[in-house]
Amino acid sequence: MRAAFARTACVFALLLAAGAASAEGLKVPDNLVDLRSPQGEAYLLETHALEAYFPISVAFETQRTQSYCGVASMVMVLNAIGAPAPASPEYQPYTVFTQDNVLNEKTDAIRSRDAILHRGMTLDQLGGILGLYPVTVEVHHAGTGGVDEFRKLASESLASKNRFVIVNFQRKALGEQIGGHISPLGAYDEKSDRFLILDVARYKYPPVWVTAADLYAAMNTTDASNDNKTRGYVLVAKPALQ
């Protein structure tokens, strides 16, 4: 009973945040299920692959600019894992990852801050920048392994402590507007075979549930900015010895 109450309270808190941020957003396509809807809430309450949801929902970020989806996603995951964070002047003496301090001279070697500001980042650049921090990183391009491998690896991560999934997908393939996008996943509902995308562009879309097949198809699209490789997903975890 206590666990069910805590889960419901956390659902309610994120629903409030999602509603406030996306009140003037775009219409959710019919193939997606809004987390704020009765069906969306029911999916969250019935799922068991939920270990990632609580820490990452507490660390929820709205991307600061329309090109910062990857930056906001990294900040969410690094804070949720509890990776050692750099100093942040506005929060002294406390340390926390922000969209201002997660990028630095070292990350510039992979993708410059100016390039990210104007054009965002690719799946491989996302994985490369995360790899500079004390976390374990696996980059998976769609097209290798197939939807079954994605479902298995992603759902196992979401059901495990200190493990997270960031997806890079083509919005248009999901019926959204319109380009490539990056956001973390929050949960997997086995009964409906749907993943919960915690969309960092909350001014456009709320958190939504999408079928594994549809999400994989949206990842299995080529990215001209990444040598026409397919998009995909990144598995991020806290090292075992930490």
C-alpha atoms as a PDB file:
ATOM      1  CA  MET A   1       0.000   0.000   0.000  1.00  0.00           C
ATOM      2  CA  ARG A   2       2.802   2.409   0.920  1.00  0.00           C
ATOM      3  CA  ALA A   3       4.671   1.649  -2.325  1.00  0.00           C
ATOM      4  CA  ALA A   4       1.505   2.188  -4.359  1.00  0.00           C
ATOM      5  CA  PHE A   5       0.883   5.519  -2.614  1.00  0.00           C
ATOM      6  CA  ALA A   6       4.462   6.674  -3.243  1.00  0.00           C
ATOM      7  CA  ARG A   7       4.217   5.701  -6.896  1.00  0.00           C
ATOM      8  CA  THR A   8       0.918   7.553  -7.302  1.00  0.00           C
ATOM      9  CA  ALA A   9       2.356  10.653  -5.608  1.00  0.00           C
ATOM     10  CA  CYS A  10       5.347  10.665  -7.954  1.00  0.00           C
ATOM     11  CA  VAL A  11       3.077  10.204 -10.967  1.00  0.00           C
ATOM     12  CA  PHE A  12       0.963  13.134  -9.809  1.00  0.00           C
ATOM     13  CA  ALA A  13       4.029  15.358  -9.362  1.00  0.00           C
ATOM     14  CA  LEU A  14       5.302  14.677 -12.889  1.00  0.00           C
ATOM     15  CA  LEU A  15       1.828  15.109 -14.350  1.00  0.00           C
ATOM     16  CA  LEU A  16       1.671  18.584 -12.831  1.00  0.00           C
ATOM     17  CA  ALA A  17       5.087  19.471 -14.235  1.00  0.00           C
ATOM     18  CA  ALA A  18       4.278  18.088 -17.663  1.00  0.00           C
ATOM     19  CA  GLY A  19       0.945  19.897 -17.788  1.00  0.00           C
ATOM     20  CA  ALA A  20       2.424  23.251 -16.803  1.00  0.00           C
ATOM     21  CA  ALA A  21       5.246  23.015 -19.325  1.00  0.00           C
ATOM     22  CA  SER A  22       3.183  21.834 -22.283  1.00  0.00           C
ATOM     23  CA  ALA A  23      -0.086  23.773 -21.854  1.00  0.00           C
ATOM     24  CA  GLU A  24       0.517  25.541 -25.165  1.00  0.00           C
ATOM     25  CA  GLY A  25       2.260  22.612 -26.818  1.00  0.00           C
ATOM     26  CA  LEU A  26       1.461  20.595 -29.918  1.00  0.00           C
ATOM     27  CA  LYS A  27      -1.237  17.959 -30.275  1.00  0.00           C
ATOM     28  CA  VAL A  28      -0.086  14.477 -29.285  1.00  0.00           C
ATOM     29  CA  PRO A  29      -0.436  12.105 -32.280  1.00  0.00           C
ATOM     30  CA  ASP A  30      -3.044   9.366 -31.949  1.00  0.00           C
ATOM     31  CA  ASN A  31      -0.423   6.585 -31.942  1.00  0.00           C
ATOM     32  CA  LEU A  32       1.160   8.033 -28.765  1.00  0.00           C
ATOM     33  CA  VAL A  33      -0.357   8.065 -25.286  1.00  0.00           C
ATOM     34  CA  ASP A  34      -0.033  11.202 -23.187  1.00  0.00           C
ATOM     35  CA  LEU A  35       1.234  10.401 -19.681  1.00  0.00           C
ATOM     36  CA  ARG A  36      -1.310  12.888 -18.317  1.00  0.00           C
ATOM     37  CA  SER A  37      -4.230  10.877 -19.709  1.00  0.00           C
ATOM     38  CA  PRO A  38      -6.030   8.171 -17.681  1.00  0.00           C
ATOM     39  CA  GLN A  39      -4.512   5.514 -19.963  1.00  0.00           C
ATOM     40  CA  GLY A  40      -1.036   7.014 -19.651  1.00  0.00           C
ATOM     41  CA  GLU A  41      -1.239   7.043 -15.870  1.00  0.00           C
ATOM     42  CA  ALA A  42      -2.570   3.465 -15.878  1.00  0.00           C
ATOM     43  CA  TYR A  43       0.466   2.291 -17.862  1.00  0.00           C
ATOM     44  CA  LEU A  44       2.793   3.840 -15.302  1.00  0.00           C
ATOM     45  CA  LEU A  45       0.951   2.367 -12.335  1.00  0.00           C
ATOM     46  CA  GLU A  46       0.969  -1.157 -13.780  1.00  0.00           C
ATOM     47  CA  THR A  47       4.564  -1.367 -14.976  1.00  0.00           C
ATOM     48  CA  HIS A  48       7.425  -2.976 -13.063  1.00  0.00           C
ATOM     49  CA  ALA A  49      10.271  -1.707 -15.276  1.00  0.00           C
ATOM     50  CA  LEU A  50      10.220   1.523 -13.323  1.00  0.00           C
ATOM     51  CA  GLU A  51      13.494   1.767 -11.397  1.00  0.00           C
ATOM     52  CA  ALA A  52      14.805   4.567 -13.635  1.00  0.00           C
ATOM     53  CA  TYR A  53      11.625   6.624 -13.460  1.00  0.00           C
ATOM     54  CA  PHE A  54      11.883   8.005  -9.958  1.00  0.00           C
ATOM     55  CA  PRO A  55      15.461   9.348  -9.992  1.00  0.00           C
ATOM     56  CA  ILE A  56      15.233  10.704 -13.525  1.00  0.00           C
ATOM     57  CA  SER A  57      11.847  12.377 -13.034  1.00  0.00           C
ATOM     58  CA  VAL A  58      13.287  14.220 -10.020  1.00  0.00           C
ATOM     59  CA  ALA A  59      16.146  15.391 -12.278  1.00  0.00           C
ATOM     60  CA  PHE A  60      13.792  16.433 -15.121  1.00  0.00           C
ATOM     61  CA  GLU A  61      15.118  19.215 -17.364  1.00  0.00           C
ATOM     62  CA  THR A  62      13.487  21.244 -20.110  1.00  0.00           C
ATOM     63  CA  GLN A  63      15.986  21.842 -22.897  1.00  0.00           C
ATOM     64  CA  ARG A  64      17.245  25.434 -22.713  1.00  0.00           C
ATOM     65  CA  THR A  65      17.236  25.963 -26.474  1.00  0.00           C
ATOM     66  CA  GLN A  66      15.688  24.048 -29.366  1.00  0.00           C
ATOM     67  CA  SER A  67      19.095  22.477 -30.132  1.00  0.00           C
ATOM     68  CA  TYR A  68      19.840  21.409 -26.549  1.00  0.00           C
ATOM     69  CA  CYS A  69      17.848  18.175 -26.391  1.00  0.00           C
ATOM     70  CA  GLY A  70      21.037  16.141 -26.055  1.00  0.00           C
ATOM     71  CA  VAL A  71      22.465  18.508 -23.448  1.00  0.00           C
ATOM     72  CA  ALA A  72      19.325  18.399 -21.291  1.00  0.00           C
ATOM     73  CA  SER A  73      19.187  14.597 -21.610  1.00  0.00           C
ATOM     74  CA  MET A  74      22.799  14.231 -20.451  1.00  0.00           C
ATOM     75  CA  VAL A  75      22.200  16.539 -17.493  1.00  0.00           C
ATOM     76  CA  MET A  76      19.173  14.508 -16.408  1.00  0.00           C
ATOM     77  CA  VAL A  77      21.008  11.188 -16.564  1.00  0.00           C
ATOM     78  CA  LEU A  78      24.223  12.383 -14.903  1.00  0.00           C
ATOM     79  CA  ASN A  79      22.285  13.946 -12.029  1.00  0.00           C
ATOM     80  CA  ALA A  80      20.072  10.868 -11.689  1.00  0.00           C
ATOM     81  CA  ILE A  81      23.131   8.597 -11.502  1.00  0.00           C
ATOM     82  CA  GLY A  82      24.791  10.922  -8.989  1.00  0.00           C
ATOM     83  CA  ALA A  83      27.987  11.348 -11.001  1.00  0.00           C
ATOM     84  CA  PRO A  84      30.486  13.799  -9.451  1.00  0.00           C
ATOM     85  CA  ALA A  85      29.307  17.185 -10.679  1.00  0.00           C
ATOM     86  CA  PRO A  86      31.293  20.343 -11.407  1.00  0.00           C
ATOM     87  CA  ALA A  87      30.862  23.577  -9.486  1.00  0.00           C
ATOM     88  CA  SER A  88      27.999  25.798 -10.517  1.00  0.00           C
ATOM     89  CA  PRO A  89      28.284  29.459  -9.432  1.00  0.00           C
ATOM     90  CA  GLU A  90      24.571  29.900  -8.867  1.00  0.00           C
ATOM     91  CA  TYR A  91      24.367  26.892  -6.535  1.00  0.00           C
ATOM     92  CA  GLN A  92      27.538  27.311  -4.470  1.00  0.00           C
ATOM     93  CA  PRO A  93      28.610  25.563  -2.281  1.00  0.00           C
ATOM     94  CA  TYR A  94      26.636  22.695  -3.853  1.00  0.00           C
ATOM     95  CA  THR A  95      27.554  20.913  -7.056  1.00  0.00           C
ATOM     96  CA  VAL A  96      25.111  19.815  -9.736  1.00  0.00           C
ATOM     97  CA  PHE A  97      25.127  19.262 -13.494  1.00  0.00           C
ATOM     98  CA  THR A  98      23.427  22.029 -15.453  1.00  0.00           C
ATOM     99  CA  GLN A  99      23.021  22.820 -19.127  1.00  0.00           C
ATOM    100  CA  ASP A 100      25.705  25.462 -18.622  1.00  0.00           C
ATOM    101  CA  ASN A 101      28.438  23.370 -16.984  1.00  0.00           C
ATOM    102  CA  VAL A 102      28.059  19.911 -18.577  1.00  0.00           C
ATOM    103  CA  LEU A 103      29.911  21.181 -21.656  1.00  0.00           C
ATOM    104  CA  ASN A 104      33.529  22.327 -21.385  1.00  0.00           C
ATOM    105  CA  GLU A 105      36.887  22.375 -23.156  1.00  0.00           C
ATOM    106  CA  LYS A 106      37.101  18.578 -23.149  1.00  0.00           C
ATOM    107  CA  THR A 107      33.664  18.127 -24.683  1.00  0.00           C
ATOM    108  CA  ASP A 108      34.583  20.728 -27.330  1.00  0.00           C
ATOM    109  CA  ALA A 109      36.994  18.154 -28.783  1.00  0.00           C
ATOM    110  CA  ILE A 110      33.999  15.957 -29.621  1.00  0.00           C
ATOM    111  CA  ARG A 111      31.502  18.670 -30.542  1.00  0.00           C
ATOM    112  CA  SER A 112      32.063  22.374 -29.966  1.00  0.00           C
ATOM    113  CA  ARG A 113      29.655  24.297 -27.778  1.00  0.00           C
ATOM    114  CA  ASP A 114      28.933  26.656 -30.639  1.00  0.00           C
ATOM    115  CA  ALA A 115      28.061  23.770 -32.974  1.00  0.00           C
ATOM    116  CA  ILE A 116      25.762  22.231 -30.355  1.00  0.00           C
ATOM    117  CA  LEU A 117      24.087  25.574 -29.763  1.00  0.00           C
ATOM    118  CA  HIS A 118      23.292  25.982 -33.446  1.00  0.00           C
ATOM    119  CA  ARG A 119      22.892  22.392 -34.701  1.00  0.00           C
ATOM    120  CA  GLY A 120      22.655  20.044 -31.740  1.00  0.00           C
ATOM    121  CA  MET A 121      24.510  16.729 -31.605  1.00  0.00           C
ATOM    122  CA  THR A 122      24.430  13.238 -33.090  1.00  0.00           C
ATOM    123  CA  LEU A 123      24.023   9.891 -31.346  1.00  0.00           C
ATOM    124  CA  ASP A 124      27.761   9.216 -31.478  1.00  0.00           C
ATOM    125  CA  GLN A 125      28.615  12.682 -30.163  1.00  0.00           C
ATOM    126  CA  LEU A 126      26.142  12.166 -27.330  1.00  0.00           C
ATOM    127  CA  GLY A 127      27.849   8.902 -26.400  1.00  0.00           C
ATOM    128  CA  GLY A 128      31.301  10.429 -26.769  1.00  0.00           C
ATOM    129  CA  ILE A 129      30.569  13.333 -24.438  1.00  0.00           C
ATOM    130  CA  LEU A 130      28.932  11.085 -21.835  1.00  0.00           C
ATOM    131  CA  GLY A 131      32.024   8.857 -22.031  1.00  0.00           C
ATOM    132  CA  LEU A 132      34.138  11.724 -20.672  1.00  0.00           C
ATOM    133  CA  TYR A 133      32.331  11.372 -17.349  1.00  0.00           C
ATOM    134  CA  PRO A 134      32.709   8.514 -14.809  1.00  0.00           C
ATOM    135  CA  VAL A 135      29.833   6.439 -16.193  1.00  0.00           C
ATOM    136  CA  THR A 136      29.690   3.411 -18.452  1.00  0.00           C
ATOM    137  CA  VAL A 137      28.314   4.112 -21.912  1.00  0.00           C
ATOM    138  CA  GLU A 138      27.075   1.863 -24.731  1.00  0.00           C
ATOM    139  CA  VAL A 139      26.033   3.394 -28.047  1.00  0.00           C
ATOM    140  CA  HIS A 140      23.668   1.288 -30.142  1.00  0.00           C
ATOM    141  CA  HIS A 141      22.687   2.249 -33.678  1.00  0.00           C
ATOM    142  CA  ALA A 142      19.301   0.967 -34.805  1.00  0.00           C
ATOM    143  CA  GLY A 143      19.504  -1.485 -37.659  1.00  0.00           C
ATOM    144  CA  THR A 144      21.853  -3.783 -35.757  1.00  0.00           C
ATOM    145  CA  GLY A 145      20.247  -6.108 -33.249  1.00  0.00           C
ATOM    146  CA  GLY A 146      16.680  -5.239 -34.210  1.00  0.00           C
ATOM    147  CA  VAL A 147      13.683  -4.271 -32.132  1.00  0.00           C
ATOM    148  CA  ASP A 148      13.860  -7.386 -29.948  1.00  0.00           C
ATOM    149  CA  GLU A 149      17.372  -6.561 -28.760  1.00  0.00           C
ATOM    150  CA  PHE A 150      16.385  -2.938 -28.149  1.00  0.00           C
ATOM    151  CA  ARG A 151      13.342  -3.991 -26.135  1.00  0.00           C
ATOM    152  CA  LYS A 152      15.404  -6.393 -24.036  1.00  0.00           C
ATOM    153  CA  LEU A 153      18.333  -4.067 -23.326  1.00  0.00           C
ATOM    154  CA  ALA A 154      16.233  -0.962 -22.740  1.00  0.00           C
ATOM    155  CA  SER A 155      13.647  -2.641 -20.499  1.00  0.00           C
ATOM    156  CA  GLU A 156      16.368  -4.321 -18.431  1.00  0.00           C
ATOM    157  CA  SER A 157      18.087  -0.974 -17.924  1.00  0.00           C
ATOM    158  CA  LEU A 158      14.871   0.761 -16.919  1.00  0.00           C
ATOM    159  CA  ALA A 159      14.169  -1.983 -14.372  1.00  0.00           C
ATOM    160  CA  SER A 160      17.642  -1.687 -12.803  1.00  0.00           C
ATOM    161  CA  LYS A 161      19.106   0.752 -10.306  1.00  0.00           C
ATOM    162  CA  ASN A 162      21.499   3.405 -11.658  1.00  0.00           C
ATOM    163  CA  ARG A 163      20.926   2.467 -15.297  1.00  0.00           C
ATOM    164  CA  PHE A 164      19.336   4.765 -17.871  1.00  0.00           C
ATOM    165  CA  VAL A 165      18.437   4.929 -21.566  1.00  0.00           C
ATOM    166  CA  ILE A 166      18.619   7.929 -23.898  1.00  0.00           C
ATOM    167  CA  VAL A 167      17.015   7.609 -27.340  1.00  0.00           C
ATOM    168  CA  ASN A 168      17.774   9.487 -30.562  1.00  0.00           C
ATOM    169  CA  PHE A 169      14.843   9.311 -32.960  1.00  0.00           C
ATOM    170  CA  GLN A 170      13.158  11.041 -35.880  1.00  0.00           C
ATOM    171  CA  ARG A 171      10.076  12.882 -34.620  1.00  0.00           C
ATOM    172  CA  LYS A 172       8.313  12.749 -37.997  1.00  0.00           C
ATOM    173  CA  ALA A 173       8.369   8.932 -37.902  1.00  0.00           C
ATOM    174  CA  LEU A 174       6.228   9.122 -34.743  1.00  0.00           C
ATOM    175  CA  GLY A 175       3.847  11.662 -36.263  1.00  0.00           C
ATOM    176  CA  GLU A 176       5.421  14.527 -34.314  1.00  0.00           C
ATOM    177  CA  GLN A 177       7.006  17.746 -35.603  1.00  0.00           C
ATOM    178  CA  ILE A 178       9.509  17.171 -37.170  1.00  0.00           C
ATOM    179  CA  GLY A 179      13.291  16.618 -36.983  1.00  0.00           C
ATOM    180  CA  GLY A 180      15.756  14.462 -35.082  1.00  0.00           C
ATOM    181  CA  HIS A 181      15.390  14.523 -31.313  1.00  0.00           C
ATOM    182  CA  ILE A 182      17.031  13.170 -28.146  1.00  0.00           C
ATOM    183  CA  SER A 183      15.333  12.389 -24.822  1.00  0.00           C
ATOM    184  CA  PRO A 184      15.620   9.872 -21.968  1.00  0.00           C
ATOM    185  CA  LEU A 185      13.244   6.998 -21.379  1.00  0.00           C
ATOM    186  CA  GLY A 186      11.497   6.711 -18.030  1.00  0.00           C
ATOM    187  CA  ALA A 187       9.770   3.319 -17.989  1.00  0.00           C
ATOM    188  CA  TYR A 188       8.624   0.287 -19.974  1.00  0.00           C
ATOM    189  CA  ASP A 189       5.160  -1.257 -19.715  1.00  0.00           C
ATOM    190  CA  GLU A 190       5.405  -4.904 -20.722  1.00  0.00           C
ATOM    191  CA  LYS A 191       1.642  -5.395 -21.003  1.00  0.00           C
ATOM    192  CA  SER A 192       1.230  -2.725 -23.697  1.00  0.00           C
ATOM    193  CA  ASP A 193       4.814  -3.053 -24.997  1.00  0.00           C
ATOM    194  CA  ARG A 194       5.282   0.707 -24.657  1.00  0.00           C
ATOM    195  CA  PHE A 195       8.195   2.877 -23.547  1.00  0.00           C
ATOM    196  CA  LEU A 196       7.742   6.218 -21.810  1.00  0.00           C
ATOM    197  CA  ILE A 197       9.662   9.068 -23.476  1.00  0.00           C
ATOM    198  CA  LEU A 198      10.389  11.878 -21.012  1.00  0.00           C
ATOM    199  CA  ASP A 199      10.501  14.537 -23.710  1.00  0.00           C
ATOM    200  CA  VAL A 200      12.916  17.330 -22.783  1.00  0.00           C
ATOM    201  CA  ALA A 201      11.114  19.723 -25.176  1.00  0.00           C
ATOM    202  CA  ARG A 202       8.219  20.023 -22.734  1.00  0.00           C
ATOM    203  CA  TYR A 203       7.015  23.201 -24.430  1.00  0.00           C
ATOM    204  CA  LYS A 204       6.202  21.019 -27.465  1.00  0.00           C
ATOM    205  CA  TYR A 205       5.172  17.610 -26.129  1.00  0.00           C
ATOM    206  CA  PRO A 206       4.451  16.051 -22.734  1.00  0.00           C
ATOM    207  CA  PRO A 207       5.901  12.689 -21.683  1.00  0.00           C
ATOM    208  CA  VAL A 208       4.354  10.076 -23.993  1.00  0.00           C
ATOM    209  CA  TRP A 209       4.089   6.308 -24.231  1.00  0.00           C
ATOM    210  CA  VAL A 210       5.143   4.809 -27.581  1.00  0.00           C
ATOM    211  CA  THR A 211       5.180   1.193 -28.721  1.00  0.00           C
ATOM    212  CA  ALA A 212       8.572  -0.490 -28.897  1.00  0.00           C
ATOM    213  CA  ALA A 213       8.071  -1.126 -32.623  1.00  0.00           C
ATOM    214  CA  ASP A 214       7.212   2.508 -33.391  1.00  0.00           C
ATOM    215  CA  LEU A 215      10.088   3.872 -31.322  1.00  0.00           C
ATOM    216  CA  TYR A 216      12.545   1.489 -32.928  1.00  0.00           C
ATOM    217  CA  ALA A 217      11.317   2.481 -36.393  1.00  0.00           C
ATOM    218  CA  ALA A 218      11.808   6.147 -35.485  1.00  0.00           C
ATOM    219  CA  MET A 219      15.368   5.360 -34.361  1.00  0.00           C
ATOM    220  CA  ASN A 220      16.010   3.257 -37.458  1.00  0.00           C
ATOM    221  CA  THR A 221      16.232   6.397 -39.594  1.00  0.00           C
ATOM    222  CA  THR A 222      19.356   7.879 -41.102  1.00  0.00           C
ATOM    223  CA  ASP A 223      20.997  11.045 -39.802  1.00  0.00           C
ATOM    224  CA  ALA A 224      22.700  13.127 -42.503  1.00  0.00           C
ATOM    225  CA  SER A 225      24.719  14.887 -39.784  1.00  0.00           C
ATOM    226  CA  ASN A 226      26.221  11.542 -38.747  1.00  0.00           C
ATOM    227  CA  ASP A 227      27.454  10.159 -42.105  1.00  0.00           C
ATOM    228  CA  ASN A 228      23.946   8.789 -42.770  1.00  0.00           C
ATOM    229  CA  LYS A 229      24.252   6.314 -39.930  1.00  0.00           C
ATOM    230  CA  THR A 230      21.027   5.326 -38.254  1.00  0.00           C
ATOM    231  CA  ARG A 231      19.911   6.936 -35.040  1.00  0.00           C
ATOM    232  CA  GLY A 232      19.582   4.719 -31.978  1.00  0.00           C
ATOM    233  CA  TYR A 233      20.002   4.674 -28.229  1.00  0.00           C
ATOM    234  CA  VAL A 234      22.612   5.048 -25.507  1.00  0.00           C
ATOM    235  CA  LEU A 235      22.728   2.915 -22.362  1.00  0.00           C
ATOM    236  CA  VAL A 236      24.276   4.755 -19.416  1.00  0.00           C
ATOM    237  CA  ALA A 237      25.092   3.200 -16.057  1.00  0.00           C
ATOM    238  CA  LYS A 238      26.903   3.929 -12.848  1.00  0.00           C
ATOM    239  CA  PRO A 239      30.126   1.870 -12.684  1.00  0.00           C
ATOM    240  CA  ALA A 240      29.817  -1.123 -10.379  1.00  0.00           C
ATOM    241  CA  LEU A 241      32.645  -0.030  -8.049  1.00  0.00           C
ATOM    242  CA  GLN A 242      31.209   3.414  -7.354  1.00  0.00           C
END
